[in-house]
Protein backbone atom coordinates (compact mmCIF):
# COMPACT_ATOMS: atom_id res chain seq x y z
CA MET A 1 -4.75 8.03 -1.44
CA VAL A 2 -4.74 10.57 1.33
CA PRO A 3 -3.99 13.98 0.03
CA ALA A 4 -1.27 16.00 1.64
CA ALA A 5 -2.49 18.91 3.67
CA ALA A 6 -2.20 22.31 1.95
CA GLY A 7 1.25 23.79 2.40
CA SER A 8 2.66 20.55 3.81
CA PRO A 9 5.85 19.08 2.33
CA ALA A 10 5.60 15.96 0.22
CA PRO A 11 6.31 12.83 2.23
CA ASP A 12 9.88 11.46 2.25
CA THR A 13 9.71 8.21 0.27
CA ALA A 14 13.41 7.37 0.61
CA PRO A 15 12.72 4.93 3.49
CA ALA A 16 10.47 2.97 1.19
CA ARG A 17 13.32 2.34 -1.40
CA PRO A 18 14.43 -1.10 0.01
CA GLU A 19 10.80 -2.31 0.00
CA LYS A 20 10.29 -0.99 -3.57
CA LEU A 21 13.42 -2.79 -4.73
CA ARG A 22 12.39 -5.97 -3.02
CA LEU A 23 8.93 -5.89 -4.57
CA ALA A 24 10.33 -5.27 -8.06
CA ASN A 25 12.88 -8.09 -7.69
CA ILE A 26 10.32 -10.67 -6.46
CA ARG A 27 7.90 -9.73 -9.36
CA LYS A 28 10.70 -9.92 -11.98
CA ARG A 29 12.04 -13.29 -10.74
CA PHE A 30 8.86 -15.17 -9.94
CA GLY A 31 5.74 -13.30 -11.07
CA ALA A 32 5.52 -14.34 -14.68
CA GLY A 33 2.51 -16.54 -14.23
CA GLY A 34 0.05 -13.93 -13.04
CA PRO A 35 -0.34 -10.51 -11.45
CA PHE A 36 0.80 -11.38 -8.01
CA LEU A 37 4.23 -11.78 -6.47
CA TYR A 38 4.60 -15.43 -7.36
CA GLY A 39 2.04 -15.43 -10.19
CA ALA A 40 -1.07 -16.70 -8.48
CA PHE A 41 -2.31 -15.11 -5.26
CA GLY A 42 -0.61 -16.54 -2.20
CA ALA A 43 0.41 -15.93 1.37
CA ALA A 44 3.24 -13.61 0.30
CA ASP A 45 0.63 -11.28 -1.25
CA ALA A 46 -1.41 -11.31 1.97
CA MET A 47 1.76 -10.34 3.88
CA TYR A 48 2.55 -7.57 1.36
CA ALA A 49 -0.96 -6.01 1.58
CA PRO A 50 0.21 -3.57 4.30
CA VAL A 51 3.06 -2.46 2.09
CA VAL A 52 0.71 -1.89 -0.82
CA SER A 53 -1.49 0.10 1.50
CA ARG A 54 1.33 2.31 2.65
CA PHE A 55 2.60 2.86 -0.93
CA HIS A 56 -0.94 3.70 -1.97
CA THR A 57 -1.78 5.93 0.94
CA TYR A 58 1.43 8.04 0.79
CA ALA A 59 1.57 7.98 -3.03
CA VAL A 60 5.02 6.42 -3.10
CA PRO A 61 6.19 6.42 -6.63
CA VAL A 62 6.70 2.93 -7.92
CA SER A 63 7.49 1.19 -11.24
CA ALA A 64 4.80 0.19 -13.83
CA ALA A 65 5.16 -3.37 -12.70
CA ALA A 66 4.59 -2.45 -9.08
CA GLN A 67 1.64 -0.38 -9.97
CA GLY A 68 0.16 -3.43 -11.73
CA TYR A 69 0.77 -5.57 -8.68
CA MET A 70 -0.72 -3.01 -6.41
CA ALA A 71 -3.86 -2.73 -8.64
CA ALA A 72 -4.18 -6.52 -8.52
CA VAL A 73 -3.94 -6.66 -4.72
CA MET A 74 -6.29 -3.62 -4.28
CA ALA A 75 -8.87 -5.27 -6.63
CA LEU A 76 -9.19 -8.36 -4.32
CA PRO A 77 -12.50 -8.60 -2.42
CA ALA A 78 -10.39 -9.26 0.75
CA TRP A 79 -8.68 -5.88 0.23
CA ASN A 80 -11.99 -4.12 0.28
CA GLU A 81 -13.15 -5.96 3.35
CA TRP A 82 -9.90 -5.10 5.19
CA ARG A 83 -10.11 -1.41 4.21
CA ASP A 84 -13.75 -1.12 5.07
CA ALA A 85 -13.25 -2.76 8.43
CA ALA A 86 -10.37 -0.31 9.18
CA ARG A 87 -12.62 2.59 8.28
CA ARG A 88 -15.29 1.40 10.76
CA GLU A 89 -12.88 1.38 13.65
CA THR A 90 -13.75 4.01 16.24
CA TRP A 91 -10.53 4.04 18.33
CA VAL A 92 -7.47 6.15 17.54
CA LEU A 93 -4.06 6.30 18.94
CA PRO A 94 -3.46 10.15 18.58
CA HIS A 95 0.39 9.77 18.92
CA ASP A 96 0.37 7.41 15.83
CA GLU A 97 -1.81 9.59 13.64
CA VAL A 98 0.04 12.27 11.81
CA ASP A 99 -3.15 14.01 10.87
CA TRP A 100 -4.92 13.69 14.26
CA PRO A 101 -7.46 15.04 15.29
CA GLU A 102 -8.62 15.39 11.65
CA VAL A 103 -7.95 11.92 10.36
CA LEU A 104 -8.11 12.08 6.60
CA ARG A 105 -9.94 9.35 4.66
CA GLU A 106 -9.24 8.12 1.19
């Protein structure tokens, strides 16, 4: 998780509410057979990895079930490969980086 800069306001998590509700609903309806959205890992989990990343990075408060799901996704070897590859990137789009030029790392 990237810590907020000293004196900066906490991020507004209201825009994440629809995604949080969608995640909780999918897990409740289909996820009984395992820790992922539909039980076993599948394409939906790969598509939700960026959402998990954003929720983790910005410390969006989520339910206990969503925390379990996020932990399962972030424990995947592919997650670590993806995160590590992103950290090795050398290019930056300053207008897309809220903490530029001092890009914070986890």
